Amino acid sequence: MGIERRVEFAAALTLDWPRLVADLAGRGLSPSLRMIDDLPAFPGEVPPPEWRELRLGFAAGMVTVRRVGTDLACVVWGTADAGLTAAQVAVADSLAGQGAGGIPRPPR
């Protein structure tokens, strides 16, 4: 089972991959693009504008970013440790900053 952190957008985000990588590097994270739409990504590859799912590798594990309508869902396994959860939050926050997205607060 996965843990999802959704970023809501009014319109579909055009991902700025270099900006995402730079922003995450500024947060002390080094993502590597592992898969694009269920296919292995080549070193240095940039996702095409029409991507549907990305898998980002971090030292702590993998974060999946999936398009859900105009929103983006950042998903990790339910067994994610604190390091992977921090990477998931950083990815969601960075994506939200690229397109004025909002991250809904979980219900209390």
N, C-alpha and C. Protein backbone atom coordinates (compact mmCIF):
# COMPACT_ATOMS: atom_id res chain seq x y z
N MET A 1 0.84 -1.17 0.00
CA MET A 1 0.00 0.00 0.00
C MET A 1 0.89 1.24 0.00
N GLY A 2 0.48 2.25 -0.76
CA GLY A 2 1.27 3.47 -0.87
C GLY A 2 0.72 4.61 -0.03
N ILE A 3 1.60 5.53 0.28
CA ILE A 3 1.22 6.76 0.97
C ILE A 3 1.34 7.88 -0.06
N GLU A 4 0.22 8.57 -0.29
CA GLU A 4 0.16 9.59 -1.33
C GLU A 4 0.13 10.99 -0.73
N ARG A 5 0.88 11.86 -1.35
CA ARG A 5 0.84 13.29 -1.02
C ARG A 5 0.49 14.00 -2.32
N ARG A 6 -0.70 14.55 -2.40
CA ARG A 6 -1.20 15.13 -3.64
C ARG A 6 -0.93 16.63 -3.70
N VAL A 7 -0.56 17.09 -4.90
CA VAL A 7 -0.38 18.52 -5.16
C VAL A 7 -1.46 18.90 -6.16
N GLU A 8 -2.33 19.83 -5.76
CA GLU A 8 -3.46 20.22 -6.60
C GLU A 8 -3.12 21.46 -7.42
N PHE A 9 -3.48 21.39 -8.71
CA PHE A 9 -3.25 22.51 -9.63
C PHE A 9 -4.55 22.84 -10.35
N ALA A 10 -4.75 24.11 -10.68
CA ALA A 10 -5.92 24.53 -11.44
C ALA A 10 -5.82 24.05 -12.89
N ALA A 11 -4.61 23.99 -13.42
CA ALA A 11 -4.35 23.51 -14.78
C ALA A 11 -3.12 22.61 -14.73
N ALA A 12 -2.99 21.73 -15.72
CA ALA A 12 -1.87 20.79 -15.74
C ALA A 12 -0.53 21.52 -15.71
N LEU A 13 0.39 21.01 -14.90
CA LEU A 13 1.71 21.60 -14.77
C LEU A 13 2.62 21.14 -15.90
N THR A 14 3.34 22.06 -16.51
CA THR A 14 4.42 21.71 -17.43
C THR A 14 5.67 21.64 -16.57
N LEU A 15 6.15 20.43 -16.36
CA LEU A 15 7.27 20.21 -15.45
C LEU A 15 8.56 20.80 -15.99
N ASP A 16 9.22 21.57 -15.14
CA ASP A 16 10.55 22.09 -15.44
C ASP A 16 11.54 21.18 -14.72
N TRP A 17 12.00 20.12 -15.40
CA TRP A 17 12.85 19.11 -14.79
C TRP A 17 14.14 19.71 -14.21
N PRO A 18 14.88 20.53 -14.97
CA PRO A 18 16.11 21.11 -14.38
C PRO A 18 15.83 21.91 -13.11
N ARG A 19 14.72 22.62 -13.08
CA ARG A 19 14.36 23.39 -11.89
C ARG A 19 14.05 22.47 -10.71
N LEU A 20 13.34 21.37 -10.97
CA LEU A 20 13.04 20.41 -9.90
C LEU A 20 14.33 19.83 -9.33
N VAL A 21 15.24 19.41 -10.20
CA VAL A 21 16.51 18.83 -9.75
C VAL A 21 17.31 19.86 -8.95
N ALA A 22 17.37 21.10 -9.43
CA ALA A 22 18.12 22.15 -8.74
C ALA A 22 17.49 22.46 -7.37
N ASP A 23 16.17 22.52 -7.33
CA ASP A 23 15.49 22.81 -6.07
C ASP A 23 15.74 21.69 -5.06
N LEU A 24 15.65 20.45 -5.50
CA LEU A 24 15.89 19.32 -4.59
C LEU A 24 17.35 19.29 -4.14
N ALA A 25 18.27 19.63 -5.04
CA ALA A 25 19.68 19.68 -4.67
C ALA A 25 19.90 20.75 -3.59
N GLY A 26 19.18 21.86 -3.69
CA GLY A 26 19.26 22.91 -2.69
C GLY A 26 18.74 22.46 -1.33
N ARG A 27 17.95 21.39 -1.33
CA ARG A 27 17.42 20.83 -0.09
C ARG A 27 18.26 19.65 0.38
N GLY A 28 19.40 19.44 -0.30
CA GLY A 28 20.30 18.37 0.10
C GLY A 28 19.95 17.00 -0.47
N LEU A 29 19.10 16.96 -1.50
CA LEU A 29 18.68 15.69 -2.11
C LEU A 29 19.23 15.59 -3.53
N SER A 30 19.56 14.37 -3.92
CA SER A 30 20.09 14.13 -5.27
C SER A 30 19.20 13.11 -5.99
N PRO A 31 18.15 13.58 -6.67
CA PRO A 31 17.27 12.65 -7.35
C PRO A 31 17.90 12.12 -8.63
N SER A 32 17.58 10.88 -8.94
CA SER A 32 17.94 10.34 -10.25
C SER A 32 16.66 9.83 -10.88
N LEU A 33 16.45 10.18 -12.12
CA LEU A 33 15.27 9.74 -12.85
C LEU A 33 15.47 8.28 -13.23
N ARG A 34 14.66 7.40 -12.68
CA ARG A 34 14.83 5.96 -12.92
C ARG A 34 13.90 5.43 -14.00
N MET A 35 12.64 5.94 -14.00
CA MET A 35 11.68 5.44 -14.99
C MET A 35 10.77 6.58 -15.46
N ILE A 36 10.36 6.48 -16.72
CA ILE A 36 9.38 7.38 -17.30
C ILE A 36 8.31 6.50 -17.93
N ASP A 37 7.10 6.61 -17.44
CA ASP A 37 5.98 5.83 -17.97
C ASP A 37 6.30 4.34 -18.10
N ASP A 38 6.80 3.76 -17.03
CA ASP A 38 7.11 2.32 -16.93
C ASP A 38 8.27 1.86 -17.80
N LEU A 39 9.06 2.78 -18.33
CA LEU A 39 10.24 2.43 -19.12
C LEU A 39 11.47 2.99 -18.42
N PRO A 40 12.59 2.26 -18.46
CA PRO A 40 13.81 2.78 -17.83
C PRO A 40 14.24 4.11 -18.45
N ALA A 41 14.70 5.01 -17.61
CA ALA A 41 15.20 6.30 -18.09
C ALA A 41 16.71 6.21 -18.29
N PHE A 42 17.20 6.85 -19.32
CA PHE A 42 18.63 6.89 -19.60
C PHE A 42 19.28 7.96 -18.74
N PRO A 43 20.56 7.82 -18.43
CA PRO A 43 21.25 8.88 -17.67
C PRO A 43 21.16 10.22 -18.42
N GLY A 44 20.79 11.25 -17.69
CA GLY A 44 20.67 12.57 -18.29
C GLY A 44 19.38 12.81 -19.05
N GLU A 45 18.51 11.81 -19.14
CA GLU A 45 17.25 11.97 -19.86
C GLU A 45 16.33 12.95 -19.13
N VAL A 46 15.57 13.71 -19.89
CA VAL A 46 14.59 14.66 -19.36
C VAL A 46 13.21 14.15 -19.75
N PRO A 47 12.26 14.14 -18.81
CA PRO A 47 10.92 13.65 -19.15
C PRO A 47 10.28 14.48 -20.26
N PRO A 48 9.60 13.82 -21.19
CA PRO A 48 8.89 14.57 -22.23
C PRO A 48 7.67 15.26 -21.63
N PRO A 49 7.16 16.29 -22.28
CA PRO A 49 6.02 17.04 -21.72
C PRO A 49 4.79 16.17 -21.45
N GLU A 50 4.61 15.09 -22.18
CA GLU A 50 3.40 14.27 -22.05
C GLU A 50 3.54 13.11 -21.06
N TRP A 51 4.57 13.10 -20.22
CA TRP A 51 4.76 12.00 -19.27
C TRP A 51 3.53 11.82 -18.39
N ARG A 52 3.34 10.57 -17.94
CA ARG A 52 2.21 10.24 -17.05
C ARG A 52 2.69 9.81 -15.66
N GLU A 53 3.88 9.14 -15.62
CA GLU A 53 4.40 8.68 -14.34
C GLU A 53 5.92 8.71 -14.37
N LEU A 54 6.50 9.23 -13.29
CA LEU A 54 7.96 9.28 -13.14
C LEU A 54 8.33 8.55 -11.86
N ARG A 55 9.48 7.90 -11.87
CA ARG A 55 10.01 7.32 -10.65
C ARG A 55 11.37 7.96 -10.37
N LEU A 56 11.46 8.58 -9.21
CA LEU A 56 12.66 9.29 -8.82
C LEU A 56 13.38 8.50 -7.73
N GLY A 57 14.65 8.22 -7.96
CA GLY A 57 15.43 7.50 -6.97
C GLY A 57 16.18 8.45 -6.06
N PHE A 58 16.16 8.14 -4.78
CA PHE A 58 16.88 8.89 -3.76
C PHE A 58 17.67 7.90 -2.93
N ALA A 59 18.58 8.38 -2.12
CA ALA A 59 19.36 7.49 -1.25
C ALA A 59 18.43 6.66 -0.37
N ALA A 60 17.30 7.22 0.05
CA ALA A 60 16.38 6.54 0.95
C ALA A 60 15.40 5.62 0.23
N GLY A 61 15.28 5.73 -1.10
CA GLY A 61 14.33 4.90 -1.83
C GLY A 61 13.73 5.64 -3.01
N MET A 62 12.56 5.18 -3.43
CA MET A 62 11.92 5.66 -4.65
C MET A 62 10.65 6.45 -4.34
N VAL A 63 10.50 7.59 -5.04
CA VAL A 63 9.27 8.39 -5.00
C VAL A 63 8.67 8.35 -6.40
N THR A 64 7.41 7.94 -6.48
CA THR A 64 6.70 7.93 -7.75
C THR A 64 5.88 9.20 -7.85
N VAL A 65 5.95 9.87 -9.01
CA VAL A 65 5.13 11.06 -9.28
C VAL A 65 4.20 10.68 -10.41
N ARG A 66 2.90 10.78 -10.15
CA ARG A 66 1.90 10.35 -11.11
C ARG A 66 0.91 11.48 -11.38
N ARG A 67 0.55 11.67 -12.65
CA ARG A 67 -0.48 12.65 -13.00
C ARG A 67 -1.85 12.05 -12.68
N VAL A 68 -2.67 12.85 -12.03
CA VAL A 68 -4.05 12.47 -11.72
C VAL A 68 -4.90 13.67 -12.11
N GLY A 69 -5.39 13.66 -13.35
CA GLY A 69 -6.07 14.84 -13.88
C GLY A 69 -5.06 15.97 -13.99
N THR A 70 -5.38 17.12 -13.38
CA THR A 70 -4.43 18.23 -13.38
C THR A 70 -3.51 18.20 -12.15
N ASP A 71 -3.77 17.27 -11.25
CA ASP A 71 -2.97 17.16 -10.02
C ASP A 71 -1.79 16.23 -10.22
N LEU A 72 -0.85 16.29 -9.27
CA LEU A 72 0.28 15.37 -9.24
C LEU A 72 0.26 14.66 -7.89
N ALA A 73 0.40 13.35 -7.93
CA ALA A 73 0.46 12.55 -6.71
C ALA A 73 1.88 12.07 -6.51
N CYS A 74 2.44 12.31 -5.33
CA CYS A 74 3.77 11.83 -4.96
C CYS A 74 3.54 10.65 -4.02
N VAL A 75 4.00 9.47 -4.43
CA VAL A 75 3.66 8.24 -3.72
C VAL A 75 4.93 7.51 -3.28
N VAL A 76 4.90 7.01 -2.04
CA VAL A 76 5.95 6.14 -1.51
C VAL A 76 5.27 4.91 -0.91
N TRP A 77 6.04 3.86 -0.68
CA TRP A 77 5.51 2.66 -0.04
C TRP A 77 5.08 2.98 1.38
N GLY A 78 4.12 2.25 1.88
CA GLY A 78 3.63 2.43 3.23
C GLY A 78 4.69 2.15 4.29
N THR A 79 5.76 1.47 3.91
CA THR A 79 6.84 1.16 4.85
C THR A 79 7.96 2.20 4.80
N ALA A 80 7.70 3.34 4.18
CA ALA A 80 8.73 4.37 4.02
C ALA A 80 9.24 4.84 5.37
N ASP A 81 10.57 5.02 5.44
CA ASP A 81 11.16 5.55 6.67
C ASP A 81 11.16 7.08 6.62
N ALA A 82 11.71 7.69 7.65
CA ALA A 82 11.70 9.16 7.74
C ALA A 82 12.44 9.82 6.59
N GLY A 83 13.54 9.20 6.12
CA GLY A 83 14.30 9.78 5.01
C GLY A 83 13.52 9.80 3.71
N LEU A 84 12.81 8.71 3.43
CA LEU A 84 12.01 8.64 2.20
C LEU A 84 10.79 9.55 2.29
N THR A 85 10.18 9.60 3.46
CA THR A 85 9.03 10.50 3.64
C THR A 85 9.47 11.95 3.46
N ALA A 86 10.66 12.29 3.95
CA ALA A 86 11.18 13.65 3.76
C ALA A 86 11.42 13.94 2.28
N ALA A 87 11.90 12.96 1.52
CA ALA A 87 12.10 13.15 0.08
C ALA A 87 10.76 13.35 -0.60
N GLN A 88 9.74 12.59 -0.21
CA GLN A 88 8.39 12.73 -0.78
C GLN A 88 7.86 14.14 -0.54
N VAL A 89 8.00 14.63 0.68
CA VAL A 89 7.52 15.98 1.03
C VAL A 89 8.29 17.02 0.22
N ALA A 90 9.59 16.86 0.08
CA ALA A 90 10.40 17.81 -0.68
C ALA A 90 9.99 17.84 -2.15
N VAL A 91 9.73 16.67 -2.74
CA VAL A 91 9.29 16.62 -4.13
C VAL A 91 7.95 17.33 -4.27
N ALA A 92 7.00 17.04 -3.40
CA ALA A 92 5.67 17.67 -3.47
C ALA A 92 5.79 19.18 -3.31
N ASP A 93 6.57 19.63 -2.34
CA ASP A 93 6.73 21.07 -2.12
C ASP A 93 7.37 21.75 -3.33
N SER A 94 8.37 21.10 -3.92
CA SER A 94 9.04 21.68 -5.08
C SER A 94 8.09 21.76 -6.27
N LEU A 95 7.32 20.71 -6.49
CA LEU A 95 6.35 20.72 -7.59
C LEU A 95 5.29 21.79 -7.36
N ALA A 96 4.82 21.93 -6.14
CA ALA A 96 3.82 22.96 -5.82
C ALA A 96 4.37 24.35 -6.15
N GLY A 97 5.65 24.57 -5.87
CA GLY A 97 6.27 25.86 -6.14
C GLY A 97 6.43 26.16 -7.62
N GLN A 98 6.45 25.12 -8.44
CA GLN A 98 6.60 25.34 -9.89
C GLN A 98 5.34 25.86 -10.54
N GLY A 99 4.20 25.55 -9.97
CA GLY A 99 2.96 25.94 -10.66
C GLY A 99 1.89 26.47 -9.76
N ALA A 100 2.25 27.08 -8.65
CA ALA A 100 1.27 27.61 -7.71
C ALA A 100 0.29 26.53 -7.29
N GLY A 101 0.82 25.35 -7.04
CA GLY A 101 -0.03 24.25 -6.59
C GLY A 101 -0.24 24.31 -5.09
N GLY A 102 -1.28 23.63 -4.68
CA GLY A 102 -1.59 23.56 -3.26
C GLY A 102 -1.53 22.14 -2.78
N ILE A 103 -1.09 21.96 -1.55
CA ILE A 103 -1.04 20.63 -0.94
C ILE A 103 -2.10 20.62 0.15
N PRO A 104 -3.17 19.87 -0.06
CA PRO A 104 -4.23 19.87 0.95
C PRO A 104 -3.74 19.29 2.28
N ARG A 105 -4.24 19.85 3.36
CA ARG A 105 -3.89 19.33 4.68
C ARG A 105 -4.69 18.05 4.92
N PRO A 106 -4.04 17.07 5.55
CA PRO A 106 -4.79 15.85 5.85
C PRO A 106 -5.89 16.15 6.88
N PRO A 107 -7.00 15.40 6.80
CA PRO A 107 -8.07 15.63 7.79
C PRO A 107 -7.58 15.26 9.19
N ARG A 108 -8.09 15.93 10.20
CA ARG A 108 -7.70 15.65 11.59
C ARG A 108 -8.74 14.83 12.27
